[in-house]
Amino acid sequence: MIPLQFRHPTHDDAAMLLDWRTRPEITRLMFTDLVDPTLEKQMAWLDRSAGRQDFRHFVMTWEDRPVGYLSYDIDLANRRCSPGYYLVTEPRERWIGGVTFDYIVDYPLFGLGLEKIVYQIMGGNAHFIRAKRLLGVREVGVFERHVFKYDTWFDVHLIELTRENRAKAKRMFPLEQTLGAFPP
């Protein structure tokens, strides 16, 4: 069994999440950087996020050690979401990213009952885009020159996965395991 778990972030996680979210190796592939990042603003964001129905987020843990962050922006009316996540692992642990897919897509599709996941992947993240191609998702297209950051234009790749297609796809882990890794 893979010891990957997801838990709701708390105020105790605020400093860690702020550190992660401001690391250049993380922010370079995100649409935005935090403006005036402070611990107080991070805690206020955690408080606001806790009550939202259109947003879910988690600290990813491996063997009870925090190794990343996962969020879902949810469109309730259209029963779809857009996930975002990053791992903060040692180079020898990069393989953990290869076992997260089942967990990340199963939770919204089967745990929340959503119909579709839409990935919006910033250009420059070639490894992530290539990996998704191997997992049976559908490439929708590319928004060219869509994000202006660091005085450079970036393309945004659109990839989707429906619940129906996910149900037919090969899996690395059983659904009971992937859904069981999330809090009720």
Protein backbone atom coordinates (compact mmCIF):
# COMPACT_ATOMS: atom_id res chain seq x y z
CA MET A 1 0.00 0.00 0.00
CA ILE A 2 1.23 3.49 -0.88
CA PRO A 3 1.37 5.76 2.20
CA LEU A 4 0.00 8.82 0.39
CA GLN A 5 -2.59 10.81 2.33
CA PHE A 6 -4.37 14.15 2.01
CA ARG A 7 -5.46 16.34 4.91
CA HIS A 8 -7.08 19.74 5.29
CA PRO A 9 -4.55 22.53 5.88
CA THR A 10 -4.61 24.27 9.26
CA HIS A 11 -3.08 27.42 10.73
CA ASP A 12 -0.16 25.23 11.80
CA ASP A 13 0.56 24.71 8.08
CA ALA A 14 0.47 28.42 7.18
CA ALA A 15 4.22 29.08 7.42
CA MET A 16 5.09 25.89 5.52
CA LEU A 17 2.56 26.62 2.75
CA LEU A 18 3.76 30.21 2.46
CA ASP A 19 7.36 29.01 2.18
CA TRP A 20 6.42 26.51 -0.51
CA ARG A 21 4.24 28.98 -2.44
CA THR A 22 7.03 31.56 -2.62
CA ARG A 23 9.81 29.23 -3.75
CA PRO A 24 11.02 30.16 -7.26
CA GLU A 25 11.04 26.53 -8.41
CA ILE A 26 7.31 26.36 -7.55
CA THR A 27 6.10 29.80 -8.60
CA ARG A 28 7.82 29.76 -11.98
CA LEU A 29 5.18 27.31 -13.25
CA MET A 30 2.17 28.99 -11.62
CA PHE A 31 -0.02 31.64 -13.21
CA THR A 32 0.59 34.13 -10.39
CA ASP A 33 3.07 34.96 -7.68
CA LEU A 34 1.93 36.10 -4.25
CA VAL A 35 1.98 39.85 -3.78
CA ASP A 36 3.20 40.97 -0.35
CA PRO A 37 3.28 37.46 1.13
CA THR A 38 2.90 37.52 4.92
CA LEU A 39 1.98 34.89 7.46
CA GLU A 40 -1.07 36.92 8.50
CA LYS A 41 -2.36 37.00 4.91
CA GLN A 42 -1.70 33.28 4.58
CA MET A 43 -3.75 32.54 7.71
CA ALA A 44 -6.57 34.80 6.52
CA TRP A 45 -6.55 32.96 3.18
CA LEU A 46 -6.76 29.62 4.99
CA ASP A 47 -9.76 30.92 6.97
CA ARG A 48 -11.54 32.17 3.82
CA SER A 49 -10.82 28.94 1.96
CA ALA A 50 -12.23 26.73 4.70
CA GLY A 51 -15.79 27.92 4.16
CA ARG A 52 -15.90 27.82 0.37
CA GLN A 53 -17.93 25.23 -1.52
CA ASP A 54 -16.20 26.05 -4.82
CA PHE A 55 -12.69 25.36 -3.55
CA ARG A 56 -11.08 22.39 -1.81
CA HIS A 57 -7.47 22.04 -0.84
CA PHE A 58 -5.18 19.63 0.94
CA VAL A 59 -1.70 19.09 2.25
CA MET A 60 -0.29 15.97 0.63
CA THR A 61 1.63 13.70 2.99
CA TRP A 62 3.91 10.79 2.31
CA GLU A 63 4.52 8.50 5.28
CA ASP A 64 2.98 11.24 7.48
CA ARG A 65 5.43 13.89 6.19
CA PRO A 66 4.13 16.89 4.20
CA VAL A 67 5.35 16.64 0.60
CA GLY A 68 3.01 18.88 -1.37
CA TYR A 69 -0.17 20.82 -1.87
CA LEU A 70 -3.31 20.04 -3.90
CA SER A 71 -6.25 22.31 -4.68
CA TYR A 72 -9.39 22.22 -6.79
CA ASP A 73 -11.19 25.27 -8.18
CA ILE A 74 -14.71 23.91 -8.59
CA ASP A 75 -17.44 25.07 -10.96
CA LEU A 76 -20.47 23.64 -9.14
CA ALA A 77 -23.03 24.62 -11.79
CA ASN A 78 -21.18 22.73 -14.53
CA ARG A 79 -19.79 19.97 -12.27
CA ARG A 80 -16.18 20.42 -13.28
CA CYS A 81 -12.95 21.45 -11.60
CA SER A 82 -9.44 22.55 -12.32
CA PRO A 83 -6.76 21.02 -10.08
CA GLY A 84 -3.50 22.59 -9.10
CA TYR A 85 -0.74 20.93 -7.19
CA TYR A 86 2.93 20.86 -6.53
CA LEU A 87 5.32 18.57 -4.75
CA VAL A 88 8.12 19.67 -2.47
CA THR A 89 10.30 16.59 -2.38
CA GLU A 90 13.94 15.70 -2.38
CA PRO A 91 15.42 14.83 -5.80
CA ARG A 92 15.49 11.14 -4.85
CA GLU A 93 11.74 11.31 -4.11
CA ARG A 94 10.59 12.80 -7.44
CA TRP A 95 9.00 9.44 -8.28
CA ILE A 96 6.21 10.27 -5.80
CA GLY A 97 4.75 12.54 -8.50
CA GLY A 98 4.25 9.44 -10.63
CA VAL A 99 1.86 7.86 -8.13
CA THR A 100 -0.38 10.88 -7.50
CA PHE A 101 -2.54 10.84 -10.65
CA ASP A 102 -5.14 8.28 -9.53
CA TYR A 103 -5.63 10.15 -6.26
CA ILE A 104 -5.85 13.60 -7.82
CA VAL A 105 -8.43 12.66 -10.45
CA ASP A 106 -10.48 10.15 -8.45
CA TYR A 107 -11.35 12.51 -5.61
CA PRO A 108 -13.28 15.09 -7.65
CA LEU A 109 -14.76 12.63 -10.15
CA PHE A 110 -15.88 9.89 -7.78
CA GLY A 111 -15.60 11.46 -4.32
CA LEU A 112 -17.32 14.75 -5.18
CA GLY A 113 -19.33 13.44 -8.13
CA LEU A 114 -18.03 15.98 -10.64
CA GLU A 115 -18.21 15.23 -14.36
CA LYS A 116 -14.93 16.61 -15.64
CA ILE A 117 -11.44 17.76 -14.71
CA VAL A 118 -9.80 20.48 -16.78
CA TYR A 119 -6.06 20.96 -16.39
CA GLN A 120 -4.59 24.32 -17.34
CA ILE A 121 -0.86 23.79 -17.54
CA MET A 122 1.56 26.62 -17.99
CA GLY A 123 4.00 26.23 -20.86
CA GLY A 124 7.49 25.40 -19.72
CA ASN A 125 6.22 22.44 -17.72
CA ALA A 126 7.04 19.96 -20.49
CA HIS A 127 7.53 16.99 -18.14
CA PHE A 128 4.06 17.41 -16.64
CA ILE A 129 2.43 17.80 -20.06
CA ARG A 130 4.22 14.72 -21.42
CA ALA A 131 3.26 12.68 -18.35
CA LYS A 132 -0.42 13.58 -18.71
CA ARG A 133 -0.39 12.36 -22.32
CA LEU A 134 0.59 8.92 -21.05
CA LEU A 135 -2.38 8.81 -18.66
CA GLY A 136 -5.24 8.87 -21.15
CA VAL A 137 -6.38 12.46 -20.82
CA ARG A 138 -7.60 14.39 -23.84
CA GLU A 139 -5.55 17.30 -25.11
CA VAL A 140 -7.97 20.10 -25.92
CA GLY A 141 -5.56 22.69 -27.21
CA VAL A 142 -3.23 25.52 -26.35
CA PHE A 143 -3.91 29.12 -25.45
CA GLU A 144 -0.94 30.77 -27.08
CA ARG A 145 0.76 33.66 -25.27
CA HIS A 146 -1.86 33.45 -22.53
CA VAL A 147 0.05 34.36 -19.34
CA PHE A 148 2.50 37.25 -19.09
CA LYS A 149 4.94 36.65 -16.28
CA TYR A 150 8.59 37.54 -15.67
CA ASP A 151 8.49 39.74 -18.79
CA THR A 152 7.73 36.67 -20.91
CA TRP A 153 4.63 35.23 -22.57
CA PHE A 154 3.70 31.65 -21.71
CA ASP A 155 1.32 29.31 -23.50
CA VAL A 156 -1.30 27.46 -21.45
CA HIS A 157 -2.06 23.85 -22.38
CA LEU A 158 -5.63 22.61 -21.86
CA ILE A 159 -6.17 18.97 -20.98
CA GLU A 160 -9.40 17.32 -19.82
CA LEU A 161 -10.62 14.08 -18.35
CA THR A 162 -14.27 13.07 -17.98
CA ARG A 163 -15.63 10.73 -15.34
CA GLU A 164 -16.76 8.31 -18.08
CA ASN A 165 -13.26 8.13 -19.61
CA ARG A 166 -11.66 7.81 -16.19
CA ALA A 167 -13.94 4.88 -15.33
CA LYS A 168 -12.65 3.03 -18.43
CA ALA A 169 -8.98 3.87 -17.91
CA LYS A 170 -6.29 1.68 -16.40
CA ARG A 171 -5.48 2.48 -12.80
CA MET A 172 -2.45 2.13 -10.63
CA PHE A 173 -4.46 1.95 -7.38
CA PRO A 174 -7.97 0.76 -6.52
CA LEU A 175 -10.65 3.43 -6.16
CA GLU A 176 -11.25 2.52 -2.52
CA GLN A 177 -7.60 3.30 -1.75
CA THR A 178 -7.51 6.61 -3.59
CA LEU A 179 -10.76 7.90 -2.11
CA GLY A 180 -9.78 6.59 1.34
CA ALA A 181 -6.68 8.79 1.31
CA PHE A 182 -8.87 11.93 1.62
CA PRO A 183 -10.67 13.16 4.74
CA PRO A 184 -14.46 12.73 4.85
